[in-house]
Amino acid sequence: MGIRARQLAIAKAVMAGDAATAEELAGLIGVSVMTIYRDVSILEDCGVLRRNRGRIVAVVNGLHAVDAIFRVEQGSEEKRIIARAGASLVAPGSSVLLDDSSAGVWLFRSLDRVDTLTIVTNSLLIANRAISMKASGLVIIGGEYRPWAHSSMGSITMEALKRIATDYCFLSAPGIVAMSCVHPYEEVAEVKRAMLRAGSESVLLADHAKFSRRGIFRFADVGEFDHVIVDSGTPESIVSELRMRSPDVIVAGDEPVVAEGWSRSGALG
């Protein structure tokens, strides 16, 4: 097992049980206690784990695999405002690729005023809602089901994304470090990277909390997105840096929202 794979295995083991001792992890991973402590130190620097009274625990506000249903309701007001701004970029009759992020769920909810859309997603939360709302078009990307994410991932998902090209792609990231979007799990980062390539026009949805969180696997720089949407709680210093890197930065809540169903240029996409 390589160093990175071992550290990921440690992080997953702790997150699965909320806490563990170094001795327990050493037995599970098959390495020495000293090796566990070295890896945990690195994972502490990444903001994923921490040591507390002789036990290793997942950081409460870190990037562990919190159930997707729970994540949808975290920071819901900021996500709603950002989603509404994102929906204003979408033209009627478009195809929209959504990842399995909680922000993606909110974005889908905000698309109800845009006519005749085709939704493409690996999220079962979004797919089920689209089915219940009798969406005009729905493409569900298959793959291996991940219960914590309520979505599909893995090699089948990656192969499917190679054959997909949509008008828009909306992504979010659990954390943004040095203006790079990161995720704690490599397979999720790979799916998000493939989705970014599949969208003709790409949009990053990021509330202010994302900029104080860290992760292990990078999947994109903010400058790779055509639009970056943040909420008004984002520090001005971060907004200024974003504007130096991205062609279009929208601070949702600070400016009027463009009429739903139209791009910011005023032309249909």
Protein backbone atom coordinates (compact mmCIF):
# COMPACT_ATOMS: atom_id res chain seq x y z
CA MET A 1 0.00 0.00 0.00
CA GLY A 2 1.40 3.39 -1.00
CA ILE A 3 1.64 6.30 1.42
CA ARG A 4 -1.33 8.18 -0.05
CA ALA A 5 -3.48 5.05 -0.21
CA ARG A 6 -2.60 4.24 3.40
CA GLN A 7 -3.49 7.73 4.59
CA LEU A 8 -6.79 7.54 2.74
CA ALA A 9 -7.50 4.15 4.34
CA ILE A 10 -6.79 5.64 7.79
CA ALA A 11 -9.10 8.58 7.13
CA LYS A 12 -11.90 6.29 5.93
CA ALA A 13 -11.52 3.98 8.92
CA VAL A 14 -11.77 6.84 11.42
CA MET A 15 -14.69 8.45 9.61
CA ALA A 16 -16.57 5.16 9.47
CA GLY A 17 -16.48 4.81 13.25
CA ASP A 18 -16.14 8.48 14.25
CA ALA A 19 -13.02 7.67 16.32
CA ALA A 20 -10.24 5.10 16.74
CA THR A 21 -6.98 4.55 18.63
CA ALA A 22 -3.60 4.40 16.92
CA GLU A 23 -3.30 0.78 18.00
CA GLU A 24 -6.64 -0.11 16.41
CA LEU A 25 -5.65 1.58 13.17
CA ALA A 26 -2.24 -0.12 13.16
CA GLY A 27 -3.92 -3.52 13.42
CA LEU A 28 -6.47 -2.67 10.74
CA ILE A 29 -4.01 -1.20 8.23
CA GLY A 30 -1.15 -3.57 9.03
CA VAL A 31 1.57 -1.04 9.89
CA SER A 32 3.33 0.14 13.04
CA VAL A 33 1.79 2.54 15.54
CA MET A 34 4.60 5.01 14.75
CA THR A 35 3.62 4.95 11.07
CA ILE A 36 0.00 5.62 12.04
CA TYR A 37 1.04 8.65 14.09
CA ARG A 38 3.12 10.05 11.21
CA ASP A 39 0.21 9.66 8.78
CA VAL A 40 -2.28 11.11 11.25
CA SER A 41 -0.03 14.15 11.67
CA ILE A 42 -0.22 14.77 7.92
CA LEU A 43 -3.99 14.25 7.92
CA GLU A 44 -4.28 16.72 10.78
CA ASP A 45 -2.48 19.32 8.66
CA CYS A 46 -5.00 18.61 5.89
CA GLY A 47 -7.86 19.33 8.30
CA VAL A 48 -9.31 15.82 8.01
CA LEU A 49 -8.50 14.23 11.40
CA ARG A 50 -7.37 15.34 14.84
CA ARG A 51 -6.10 13.73 18.04
CA ASN A 52 -8.23 14.09 21.14
CA ARG A 53 -7.52 12.46 24.53
CA GLY A 54 -5.67 9.50 23.12
CA ARG A 55 -8.10 8.87 20.29
CA ILE A 56 -8.11 9.93 16.65
CA VAL A 57 -11.35 11.55 15.55
CA ALA A 58 -12.82 13.00 12.39
CA VAL A 59 -12.91 16.79 12.30
CA VAL A 60 -16.52 17.78 12.94
CA ASN A 61 -16.58 20.45 10.25
CA GLY A 62 -14.05 18.71 8.02
CA LEU A 63 -14.36 16.85 4.78
CA HIS A 64 -15.56 13.49 5.95
CA ALA A 65 -18.31 11.61 4.18
CA VAL A 66 -21.35 13.04 5.89
CA ASP A 67 -24.56 11.60 4.49
CA ALA A 68 -25.72 13.62 1.48
CA ILE A 69 -29.21 14.13 2.91
CA PHE A 70 -27.69 15.77 5.99
CA ARG A 71 -25.36 17.93 3.88
CA VAL A 72 -28.27 19.34 1.87
CA GLU A 73 -29.53 21.14 4.96
CA GLN A 74 -26.16 22.52 6.08
CA GLY A 75 -25.83 26.20 5.17
CA SER A 76 -29.13 25.91 3.34
CA GLU A 77 -29.79 29.65 3.07
CA GLU A 78 -26.44 30.37 1.41
CA LYS A 79 -26.89 27.40 -0.92
CA ARG A 80 -30.38 28.57 -1.88
CA ILE A 81 -29.14 32.05 -2.77
CA ILE A 82 -26.20 30.68 -4.76
CA ALA A 83 -28.44 28.18 -6.53
CA ARG A 84 -30.88 30.87 -7.60
CA ALA A 85 -28.02 32.87 -9.11
CA GLY A 86 -26.78 29.74 -10.87
CA ALA A 87 -30.20 28.93 -12.30
CA SER A 88 -30.31 32.41 -13.85
CA LEU A 89 -27.48 31.39 -16.17
CA VAL A 90 -29.40 28.49 -17.70
CA ALA A 91 -31.28 28.93 -20.98
CA PRO A 92 -34.54 27.10 -21.74
CA GLY A 93 -34.12 23.87 -23.70
CA SER A 94 -30.59 23.26 -22.37
CA SER A 95 -28.91 20.16 -21.02
CA VAL A 96 -27.58 20.55 -17.47
CA LEU A 97 -25.02 18.27 -15.79
CA LEU A 98 -25.22 18.22 -11.98
CA ASP A 99 -22.83 16.50 -9.58
CA ASP A 100 -23.87 14.81 -6.34
CA SER A 101 -23.12 17.80 -4.13
CA SER A 102 -25.71 19.33 -1.82
CA ALA A 103 -25.32 22.52 -3.84
CA GLY A 104 -26.36 20.52 -6.90
CA VAL A 105 -29.59 19.54 -5.16
CA TRP A 106 -30.34 23.17 -4.43
CA LEU A 107 -29.47 24.15 -8.00
CA PHE A 108 -31.95 21.59 -9.33
CA ARG A 109 -34.64 22.97 -7.04
CA SER A 110 -34.02 26.43 -8.50
CA LEU A 111 -34.36 25.22 -12.09
CA ASP A 112 -38.12 24.71 -11.77
CA ARG A 113 -38.76 28.03 -13.57
CA VAL A 114 -36.64 27.10 -16.59
CA ASP A 115 -38.56 25.30 -19.33
CA THR A 116 -37.72 22.07 -21.13
CA LEU A 117 -34.44 21.07 -19.55
CA THR A 118 -32.59 17.79 -19.77
CA ILE A 119 -30.99 16.93 -16.44
CA VAL A 120 -27.89 14.71 -16.44
CA THR A 121 -26.66 13.52 -13.04
CA ASN A 122 -25.11 10.72 -10.99
CA SER A 123 -27.07 11.84 -7.91
CA LEU A 124 -29.99 9.65 -6.88
CA LEU A 125 -31.34 12.51 -4.76
CA ILE A 126 -31.59 14.72 -7.84
CA ALA A 127 -32.78 11.90 -10.10
CA ASN A 128 -35.59 10.89 -7.74
CA ARG A 129 -36.75 14.48 -7.43
CA ALA A 130 -36.63 14.91 -11.21
CA ILE A 131 -38.77 11.79 -11.62
CA SER A 132 -41.32 12.99 -9.07
CA MET A 133 -41.51 16.36 -10.82
CA LYS A 134 -41.82 14.68 -14.22
CA ALA A 135 -38.81 16.50 -15.64
CA SER A 136 -38.86 16.94 -19.40
CA GLY A 137 -35.59 15.03 -19.78
CA LEU A 138 -33.46 12.97 -17.41
CA VAL A 139 -30.22 11.04 -17.94
CA ILE A 140 -29.02 9.05 -14.92
CA ILE A 141 -25.31 8.25 -15.00
CA GLY A 142 -24.80 4.69 -13.75
CA GLY A 143 -22.00 3.13 -11.76
CA GLU A 144 -21.28 1.70 -8.32
CA TYR A 145 -23.72 3.04 -5.75
CA ARG A 146 -22.22 4.88 -2.77
CA PRO A 147 -24.81 5.04 0.07
CA TRP A 148 -23.18 7.96 1.93
CA ALA A 149 -23.28 10.08 -1.25
CA HIS A 150 -26.57 8.70 -2.61
CA SER A 151 -24.87 8.60 -6.00
CA SER A 152 -22.97 6.44 -8.47
CA MET A 153 -19.20 6.45 -8.90
CA GLY A 154 -16.37 4.26 -10.12
CA SER A 155 -15.16 3.08 -13.52
CA ILE A 156 -18.62 2.71 -15.05
CA THR A 157 -19.45 6.30 -14.15
CA MET A 158 -16.16 7.49 -15.62
CA GLU A 159 -16.74 5.62 -18.89
CA ALA A 160 -20.26 7.03 -19.17
CA LEU A 161 -18.99 10.58 -18.73
CA LYS A 162 -16.68 10.15 -21.72
CA ARG A 163 -19.79 9.93 -23.92
CA ILE A 164 -21.59 12.90 -22.41
CA ALA A 165 -21.51 16.53 -23.57
CA THR A 166 -23.90 19.04 -22.00
CA ASP A 167 -24.58 22.75 -22.35
CA TYR A 168 -23.89 23.44 -18.67
CA CYS A 169 -22.01 21.73 -15.87
CA PHE A 170 -22.56 22.75 -12.25
CA LEU A 171 -20.07 21.54 -9.64
CA SER A 172 -19.31 22.20 -6.01
CA ALA A 173 -16.36 21.32 -3.79
CA PRO A 174 -16.26 20.41 -0.09
CA GLY A 175 -13.16 22.58 0.20
CA ILE A 176 -11.13 25.15 -1.72
CA VAL A 177 -7.42 25.39 -0.89
CA ALA A 178 -5.16 27.96 -2.56
CA MET A 179 -7.88 28.47 -5.17
CA SER A 180 -7.99 24.74 -6.01
CA CYS A 181 -11.12 22.65 -5.53
CA VAL A 182 -10.43 19.58 -3.39
CA HIS A 183 -12.24 16.50 -2.09
CA PRO A 184 -11.25 13.91 0.55
CA TYR A 185 -12.01 10.95 -1.73
CA GLU A 186 -10.09 10.32 -4.91
CA GLU A 187 -12.92 8.61 -6.81
CA VAL A 188 -15.22 11.58 -6.22
CA ALA A 189 -12.53 14.00 -7.37
CA GLU A 190 -12.10 11.95 -10.56
CA VAL A 191 -15.83 12.07 -11.32
CA LYS A 192 -15.96 15.82 -10.78
CA ARG A 193 -12.94 16.31 -13.04
CA ALA A 194 -14.61 14.28 -15.79
CA MET A 195 -17.84 16.25 -15.38
CA LEU A 196 -15.97 19.52 -15.79
CA ARG A 197 -14.70 18.30 -19.16
CA ALA A 198 -18.22 17.27 -20.21
CA GLY A 199 -19.83 20.70 -19.86
CA SER A 200 -19.63 23.38 -22.52
CA GLU A 201 -20.17 26.10 -19.90
CA SER A 202 -18.98 25.36 -16.36
CA VAL A 203 -20.13 26.86 -13.07
CA LEU A 204 -18.61 26.47 -9.60
CA LEU A 205 -21.01 26.83 -6.66
CA ALA A 206 -19.12 27.69 -3.45
CA ASP A 207 -20.46 29.17 -0.22
CA HIS A 208 -18.00 30.97 2.03
CA ALA A 209 -17.48 27.95 4.31
CA LYS A 210 -15.71 26.08 1.49
CA PHE A 211 -12.71 28.41 1.73
CA SER A 212 -11.92 27.35 5.30
CA ARG A 213 -11.97 23.61 4.60
CA ARG A 214 -9.30 21.31 3.24
CA GLY A 215 -9.07 18.05 1.36
CA ILE A 216 -6.63 15.60 -0.15
CA PHE A 217 -7.47 15.32 -3.85
CA ARG A 218 -7.53 18.29 -6.21
CA PHE A 219 -9.92 18.18 -9.17
CA ALA A 220 -9.87 21.73 -10.60
CA ASP A 221 -8.58 25.27 -10.19
CA VAL A 222 -11.20 28.00 -9.84
CA GLY A 223 -9.85 29.56 -13.04
CA GLU A 224 -11.02 26.54 -15.03
CA PHE A 225 -14.66 27.55 -14.52
CA ASP A 226 -16.52 30.00 -16.73
CA HIS A 227 -18.48 31.25 -13.71
CA VAL A 228 -17.82 31.12 -9.97
CA ILE A 229 -20.75 31.87 -7.66
CA VAL A 230 -20.20 32.62 -3.97
CA ASP A 231 -22.42 34.08 -1.24
CA SER A 232 -22.13 37.53 0.31
CA GLY A 233 -20.47 36.05 3.42
CA THR A 234 -17.32 35.36 1.41
CA PRO A 235 -14.45 37.65 2.55
CA GLU A 236 -13.63 40.44 0.10
CA SER A 237 -10.00 39.31 -0.07
CA ILE A 238 -11.14 35.94 -1.42
CA VAL A 239 -13.58 37.52 -3.85
CA SER A 240 -10.80 39.77 -5.16
CA GLU A 241 -8.49 36.79 -5.72
CA LEU A 242 -11.28 34.89 -7.43
CA ARG A 243 -11.81 37.81 -9.82
CA MET A 244 -8.14 37.71 -10.77
CA ARG A 245 -8.48 34.05 -11.74
CA SER A 246 -11.99 33.52 -13.08
CA PRO A 247 -13.65 35.30 -16.05
CA ASP A 248 -16.92 35.79 -14.15
CA VAL A 249 -17.40 35.90 -10.37
CA ILE A 250 -20.91 36.38 -9.02
CA VAL A 251 -21.49 37.31 -5.38
CA ALA A 252 -25.02 36.05 -4.88
CA GLY A 253 -27.10 38.40 -2.78
CA ASP A 254 -25.00 41.46 -3.66
CA GLU A 255 -26.44 42.01 -7.13
CA PRO A 256 -29.77 41.55 -8.90
CA VAL A 257 -30.38 38.04 -10.17
CA VAL A 258 -30.67 37.85 -13.96
CA ALA A 259 -34.04 36.61 -15.16
CA GLU A 260 -34.25 32.83 -14.97
CA GLY A 261 -33.53 30.97 -18.17
CA TRP A 262 -31.10 33.43 -19.74
CA SER A 263 -27.33 33.61 -19.82
CA ARG A 264 -25.66 36.68 -18.36
CA SER A 265 -24.88 37.90 -21.86
CA GLY A 266 -28.62 38.13 -22.52
CA ALA A 267 -28.55 35.52 -25.27
CA LEU A 268 -29.99 32.06 -25.25
CA GLY A 269 -27.35 29.39 -24.70
